[in-house]
Amino acid sequence: MVAAQELTVREAARMAGRSEETIRRWIWSGRLPAAKKGTSYRIDVVHLQEVIVETQPDPHHQASASNSMLEWLDSVAEWKAGLAIKPRPGASAADLIIEDRHARR
């Protein structure tokens, strides 16, 4: 039986190319399993590699920032068009969501 290779939070952060705080957030949220030993966490390399693969951006989606913003604006326009109510001038986003929820009841 082969023993699992364990990393500290610092080592895991270096391997993942993320900050130590991000690694801790992954642990606290349950996304990254870790064992607490004393006052520090130990992370199994296999689990870390799985999370790294999950969090990698889609290589097929290479949109520029401006294209991403335009896509987002288009999706907002589509969402607004599908609202059960029509937006009032000056209504905030929160108002729109609340009115939409009430209209769908």
N, C-alpha and C. Protein backbone atom coordinates (compact mmCIF):
# COMPACT_ATOMS: atom_id res chain seq x y z
N MET A 1 0.85 -1.17 0.00
CA MET A 1 0.00 0.00 0.00
C MET A 1 0.90 1.24 0.00
N VAL A 2 0.62 2.18 -0.90
CA VAL A 2 1.43 3.39 -1.04
C VAL A 2 0.83 4.48 -0.18
N ALA A 3 1.67 5.14 0.61
CA ALA A 3 1.19 6.23 1.46
C ALA A 3 0.91 7.46 0.61
N ALA A 4 -0.13 8.20 0.98
CA ALA A 4 -0.49 9.42 0.25
C ALA A 4 0.55 10.50 0.52
N GLN A 5 0.86 11.26 -0.51
CA GLN A 5 1.78 12.38 -0.33
C GLN A 5 0.97 13.58 0.15
N GLU A 6 1.36 14.12 1.30
CA GLU A 6 0.63 15.24 1.88
C GLU A 6 1.44 16.52 1.74
N LEU A 7 0.70 17.61 1.50
CA LEU A 7 1.31 18.92 1.35
C LEU A 7 0.79 19.87 2.41
N THR A 8 1.59 20.86 2.75
CA THR A 8 1.11 21.93 3.61
C THR A 8 0.27 22.88 2.75
N VAL A 9 -0.41 23.81 3.38
CA VAL A 9 -1.19 24.80 2.65
C VAL A 9 -0.27 25.61 1.73
N ARG A 10 0.89 25.98 2.23
CA ARG A 10 1.85 26.76 1.43
C ARG A 10 2.28 25.98 0.19
N GLU A 11 2.63 24.71 0.38
CA GLU A 11 3.06 23.88 -0.75
C GLU A 11 1.92 23.69 -1.76
N ALA A 12 0.71 23.48 -1.24
CA ALA A 12 -0.45 23.31 -2.11
C ALA A 12 -0.72 24.58 -2.91
N ALA A 13 -0.55 25.73 -2.28
CA ALA A 13 -0.76 27.01 -2.97
C ALA A 13 0.23 27.17 -4.12
N ARG A 14 1.47 26.83 -3.86
CA ARG A 14 2.50 26.91 -4.92
C ARG A 14 2.16 25.97 -6.08
N MET A 15 1.76 24.75 -5.74
CA MET A 15 1.46 23.76 -6.78
C MET A 15 0.24 24.19 -7.60
N ALA A 16 -0.75 24.77 -6.95
CA ALA A 16 -1.98 25.17 -7.64
C ALA A 16 -1.86 26.53 -8.32
N GLY A 17 -0.82 27.28 -7.96
CA GLY A 17 -0.68 28.63 -8.51
C GLY A 17 -1.73 29.56 -7.94
N ARG A 18 -2.14 29.32 -6.72
CA ARG A 18 -3.14 30.13 -6.03
C ARG A 18 -2.57 30.62 -4.71
N SER A 19 -3.30 31.49 -4.04
CA SER A 19 -2.83 31.99 -2.76
C SER A 19 -3.13 30.96 -1.66
N GLU A 20 -2.43 31.10 -0.55
CA GLU A 20 -2.68 30.23 0.60
C GLU A 20 -4.11 30.42 1.10
N GLU A 21 -4.59 31.64 1.05
CA GLU A 21 -5.95 31.93 1.51
C GLU A 21 -6.98 31.19 0.64
N THR A 22 -6.73 31.12 -0.66
CA THR A 22 -7.64 30.39 -1.56
C THR A 22 -7.67 28.91 -1.17
N ILE A 23 -6.51 28.35 -0.90
CA ILE A 23 -6.45 26.93 -0.49
C ILE A 23 -7.25 26.73 0.79
N ARG A 24 -7.08 27.65 1.75
CA ARG A 24 -7.84 27.53 3.00
C ARG A 24 -9.35 27.64 2.75
N ARG A 25 -9.75 28.54 1.85
CA ARG A 25 -11.18 28.67 1.53
C ARG A 25 -11.71 27.38 0.92
N TRP A 26 -10.92 26.76 0.04
CA TRP A 26 -11.33 25.48 -0.55
C TRP A 26 -11.52 24.43 0.54
N ILE A 27 -10.63 24.43 1.52
CA ILE A 27 -10.72 23.47 2.62
C ILE A 27 -11.97 23.77 3.45
N TRP A 28 -12.14 25.02 3.85
CA TRP A 28 -13.27 25.39 4.71
C TRP A 28 -14.61 25.16 4.03
N SER A 29 -14.66 25.32 2.71
CA SER A 29 -15.93 25.13 1.99
C SER A 29 -16.22 23.66 1.71
N GLY A 30 -15.23 22.79 1.94
CA GLY A 30 -15.41 21.37 1.69
C GLY A 30 -15.02 20.96 0.29
N ARG A 31 -14.59 21.89 -0.51
CA ARG A 31 -14.18 21.59 -1.89
C ARG A 31 -12.89 20.75 -1.91
N LEU A 32 -11.99 21.03 -0.97
CA LEU A 32 -10.70 20.34 -0.91
C LEU A 32 -10.58 19.61 0.43
N PRO A 33 -10.62 18.27 0.40
CA PRO A 33 -10.46 17.52 1.64
C PRO A 33 -9.06 17.73 2.22
N ALA A 34 -8.98 17.87 3.53
CA ALA A 34 -7.69 18.05 4.21
C ALA A 34 -7.80 17.51 5.63
N ALA A 35 -6.66 17.12 6.17
CA ALA A 35 -6.60 16.64 7.55
C ALA A 35 -5.92 17.71 8.39
N LYS A 36 -6.51 18.00 9.54
CA LYS A 36 -5.91 18.99 10.43
C LYS A 36 -4.94 18.25 11.35
N LYS A 37 -3.69 18.70 11.34
CA LYS A 37 -2.66 18.11 12.20
C LYS A 37 -2.06 19.24 13.00
N GLY A 38 -2.39 19.27 14.28
CA GLY A 38 -1.95 20.38 15.12
C GLY A 38 -2.69 21.63 14.71
N THR A 39 -1.95 22.65 14.33
CA THR A 39 -2.58 23.91 13.94
C THR A 39 -2.58 24.11 12.42
N SER A 40 -2.15 23.09 11.68
CA SER A 40 -2.08 23.26 10.23
C SER A 40 -2.84 22.15 9.52
N TYR A 41 -3.10 22.37 8.25
CA TYR A 41 -3.79 21.39 7.42
C TYR A 41 -2.78 20.63 6.56
N ARG A 42 -3.11 19.39 6.25
CA ARG A 42 -2.33 18.57 5.32
C ARG A 42 -3.28 18.15 4.20
N ILE A 43 -2.83 18.37 2.98
CA ILE A 43 -3.65 18.12 1.81
C ILE A 43 -3.03 17.00 0.99
N ASP A 44 -3.85 16.03 0.62
CA ASP A 44 -3.39 14.94 -0.23
C ASP A 44 -3.21 15.48 -1.64
N VAL A 45 -2.09 15.16 -2.27
CA VAL A 45 -1.77 15.66 -3.61
C VAL A 45 -2.86 15.27 -4.62
N VAL A 46 -3.38 14.06 -4.51
CA VAL A 46 -4.40 13.60 -5.45
C VAL A 46 -5.64 14.49 -5.38
N HIS A 47 -6.08 14.81 -4.16
CA HIS A 47 -7.25 15.68 -4.00
C HIS A 47 -6.97 17.07 -4.55
N LEU A 48 -5.79 17.59 -4.30
CA LEU A 48 -5.43 18.91 -4.81
C LEU A 48 -5.46 18.92 -6.33
N GLN A 49 -4.90 17.90 -6.95
CA GLN A 49 -4.88 17.84 -8.42
C GLN A 49 -6.29 17.79 -8.99
N GLU A 50 -7.20 17.09 -8.31
CA GLU A 50 -8.60 17.03 -8.76
C GLU A 50 -9.23 18.42 -8.73
N VAL A 51 -8.99 19.16 -7.65
CA VAL A 51 -9.56 20.51 -7.52
C VAL A 51 -8.93 21.45 -8.54
N ILE A 52 -7.64 21.31 -8.78
CA ILE A 52 -6.97 22.15 -9.78
C ILE A 52 -7.61 21.94 -11.14
N VAL A 53 -7.87 20.69 -11.51
CA VAL A 53 -8.50 20.39 -12.81
C VAL A 53 -9.89 21.00 -12.86
N GLU A 54 -10.66 20.90 -11.77
CA GLU A 54 -12.01 21.48 -11.71
C GLU A 54 -12.00 22.99 -11.93
N THR A 55 -10.99 23.65 -11.40
CA THR A 55 -10.98 25.11 -11.42
C THR A 55 -10.27 25.72 -12.62
N GLN A 56 -9.74 24.88 -13.50
CA GLN A 56 -9.07 25.40 -14.69
C GLN A 56 -10.12 26.00 -15.62
N PRO A 57 -9.81 27.15 -16.23
CA PRO A 57 -10.76 27.71 -17.19
C PRO A 57 -10.87 26.82 -18.42
N ASP A 58 -12.02 26.87 -19.06
CA ASP A 58 -12.28 26.08 -20.26
C ASP A 58 -11.36 26.58 -21.37
N PRO A 59 -10.46 25.73 -21.90
CA PRO A 59 -9.53 26.18 -22.93
C PRO A 59 -10.23 26.57 -24.24
N HIS A 60 -11.46 26.09 -24.44
CA HIS A 60 -12.18 26.41 -25.66
C HIS A 60 -12.86 27.77 -25.58
N HIS A 61 -12.92 28.32 -24.38
CA HIS A 61 -13.58 29.62 -24.19
C HIS A 61 -12.51 30.67 -23.96
N GLN A 62 -11.98 31.23 -25.02
CA GLN A 62 -10.90 32.20 -24.95
C GLN A 62 -11.42 33.58 -25.35
N ALA A 63 -12.48 34.05 -24.71
CA ALA A 63 -13.06 35.35 -25.05
C ALA A 63 -12.25 36.47 -24.42
N SER A 64 -12.18 37.57 -25.11
CA SER A 64 -11.51 38.74 -24.53
C SER A 64 -12.44 39.37 -23.50
N ALA A 65 -11.90 40.27 -22.70
CA ALA A 65 -12.70 40.91 -21.66
C ALA A 65 -13.87 41.67 -22.27
N SER A 66 -13.65 42.37 -23.38
CA SER A 66 -14.74 43.13 -23.98
C SER A 66 -15.80 42.20 -24.54
N ASN A 67 -15.40 41.08 -25.14
CA ASN A 67 -16.38 40.12 -25.63
C ASN A 67 -17.17 39.52 -24.48
N SER A 68 -16.50 39.24 -23.37
CA SER A 68 -17.19 38.69 -22.22
C SER A 68 -18.23 39.66 -21.70
N MET A 69 -17.89 40.93 -21.65
CA MET A 69 -18.83 41.94 -21.19
C MET A 69 -20.01 42.04 -22.15
N LEU A 70 -19.73 42.01 -23.45
CA LEU A 70 -20.82 42.07 -24.43
C LEU A 70 -21.73 40.85 -24.31
N GLU A 71 -21.14 39.68 -24.11
CA GLU A 71 -21.94 38.48 -23.92
C GLU A 71 -22.81 38.60 -22.68
N TRP A 72 -22.25 39.13 -21.62
CA TRP A 72 -23.01 39.29 -20.38
C TRP A 72 -24.16 40.27 -20.59
N LEU A 73 -23.89 41.39 -21.26
CA LEU A 73 -24.95 42.36 -21.53
C LEU A 73 -26.05 41.76 -22.39
N ASP A 74 -25.66 40.93 -23.37
CA ASP A 74 -26.67 40.26 -24.20
C ASP A 74 -27.51 39.31 -23.35
N SER A 75 -26.88 38.58 -22.43
CA SER A 75 -27.64 37.66 -21.59
C SER A 75 -28.58 38.41 -20.66
N VAL A 76 -28.17 39.59 -20.19
CA VAL A 76 -29.05 40.41 -19.35
C VAL A 76 -30.25 40.88 -20.17
N ALA A 77 -30.00 41.30 -21.40
CA ALA A 77 -31.09 41.75 -22.27
C ALA A 77 -32.08 40.61 -22.52
N GLU A 78 -31.56 39.38 -22.75
CA GLU A 78 -32.43 38.23 -22.94
C GLU A 78 -33.25 37.95 -21.69
N TRP A 79 -32.60 38.05 -20.54
CA TRP A 79 -33.29 37.81 -19.27
C TRP A 79 -34.41 38.83 -19.09
N LYS A 80 -34.11 40.10 -19.36
CA LYS A 80 -35.12 41.15 -19.21
C LYS A 80 -36.30 40.91 -20.15
N ALA A 81 -36.01 40.46 -21.37
CA ALA A 81 -37.08 40.20 -22.33
C ALA A 81 -37.99 39.08 -21.86
N GLY A 82 -37.46 38.15 -21.08
CA GLY A 82 -38.25 37.03 -20.60
C GLY A 82 -38.96 37.28 -19.29
N LEU A 83 -38.81 38.47 -18.73
CA LEU A 83 -39.47 38.77 -17.46
C LEU A 83 -40.98 38.74 -17.61
N ALA A 84 -41.65 38.29 -16.57
CA ALA A 84 -43.11 38.28 -16.59
C ALA A 84 -43.66 39.70 -16.52
N ILE A 85 -42.91 40.61 -16.01
CA ILE A 85 -43.31 42.02 -15.94
C ILE A 85 -42.33 42.82 -16.78
N LYS A 86 -42.74 43.97 -17.19
CA LYS A 86 -41.82 44.83 -17.94
C LYS A 86 -41.18 45.81 -16.97
N PRO A 87 -39.88 46.01 -17.10
CA PRO A 87 -39.16 46.89 -16.17
C PRO A 87 -39.69 48.31 -16.18
N ARG A 88 -39.80 48.87 -14.97
CA ARG A 88 -40.17 50.28 -14.83
C ARG A 88 -38.92 51.12 -15.00
N PRO A 89 -39.02 52.28 -15.61
CA PRO A 89 -37.85 53.17 -15.68
C PRO A 89 -37.40 53.53 -14.26
N GLY A 90 -36.11 53.42 -14.03
CA GLY A 90 -35.56 53.76 -12.72
C GLY A 90 -35.61 52.64 -11.70
N ALA A 91 -36.14 51.47 -12.08
CA ALA A 91 -36.21 50.35 -11.14
C ALA A 91 -34.82 49.75 -10.96
N SER A 92 -34.51 49.41 -9.73
CA SER A 92 -33.20 48.80 -9.47
C SER A 92 -33.26 47.32 -9.84
N ALA A 93 -32.10 46.69 -9.88
CA ALA A 93 -32.04 45.25 -10.17
C ALA A 93 -32.80 44.47 -9.12
N ALA A 94 -32.70 44.88 -7.87
CA ALA A 94 -33.42 44.19 -6.79
C ALA A 94 -34.93 44.31 -7.00
N ASP A 95 -35.40 45.50 -7.41
CA ASP A 95 -36.82 45.69 -7.68
C ASP A 95 -37.30 44.75 -8.78
N LEU A 96 -36.49 44.64 -9.85
CA LEU A 96 -36.86 43.77 -10.97
C LEU A 96 -36.98 42.32 -10.53
N ILE A 97 -36.03 41.87 -9.73
CA ILE A 97 -36.05 40.47 -9.28
C ILE A 97 -37.27 40.21 -8.40
N ILE A 98 -37.54 41.12 -7.47
CA ILE A 98 -38.69 40.95 -6.58
C ILE A 98 -39.98 40.95 -7.38
N GLU A 99 -40.14 41.90 -8.30
CA GLU A 99 -41.35 41.96 -9.11
C GLU A 99 -41.50 40.70 -9.97
N ASP A 100 -40.40 40.21 -10.52
CA ASP A 100 -40.44 39.01 -11.34
C ASP A 100 -40.87 37.81 -10.51
N ARG A 101 -40.34 37.68 -9.31
CA ARG A 101 -40.73 36.56 -8.44
C ARG A 101 -42.21 36.61 -8.09
N HIS A 102 -42.70 37.81 -7.79
CA HIS A 102 -44.11 37.95 -7.46
C HIS A 102 -44.99 37.62 -8.67
N ALA A 103 -44.57 38.02 -9.86
CA ALA A 103 -45.35 37.77 -11.07
C ALA A 103 -45.39 36.29 -11.42
N ARG A 104 -44.38 35.53 -11.03
CA ARG A 104 -44.34 34.10 -11.38
C ARG A 104 -45.12 33.23 -10.41
N ARG A 105 -45.60 33.78 -9.32
CA ARG A 105 -46.34 32.98 -8.33
C ARG A 105 -47.68 32.56 -8.83
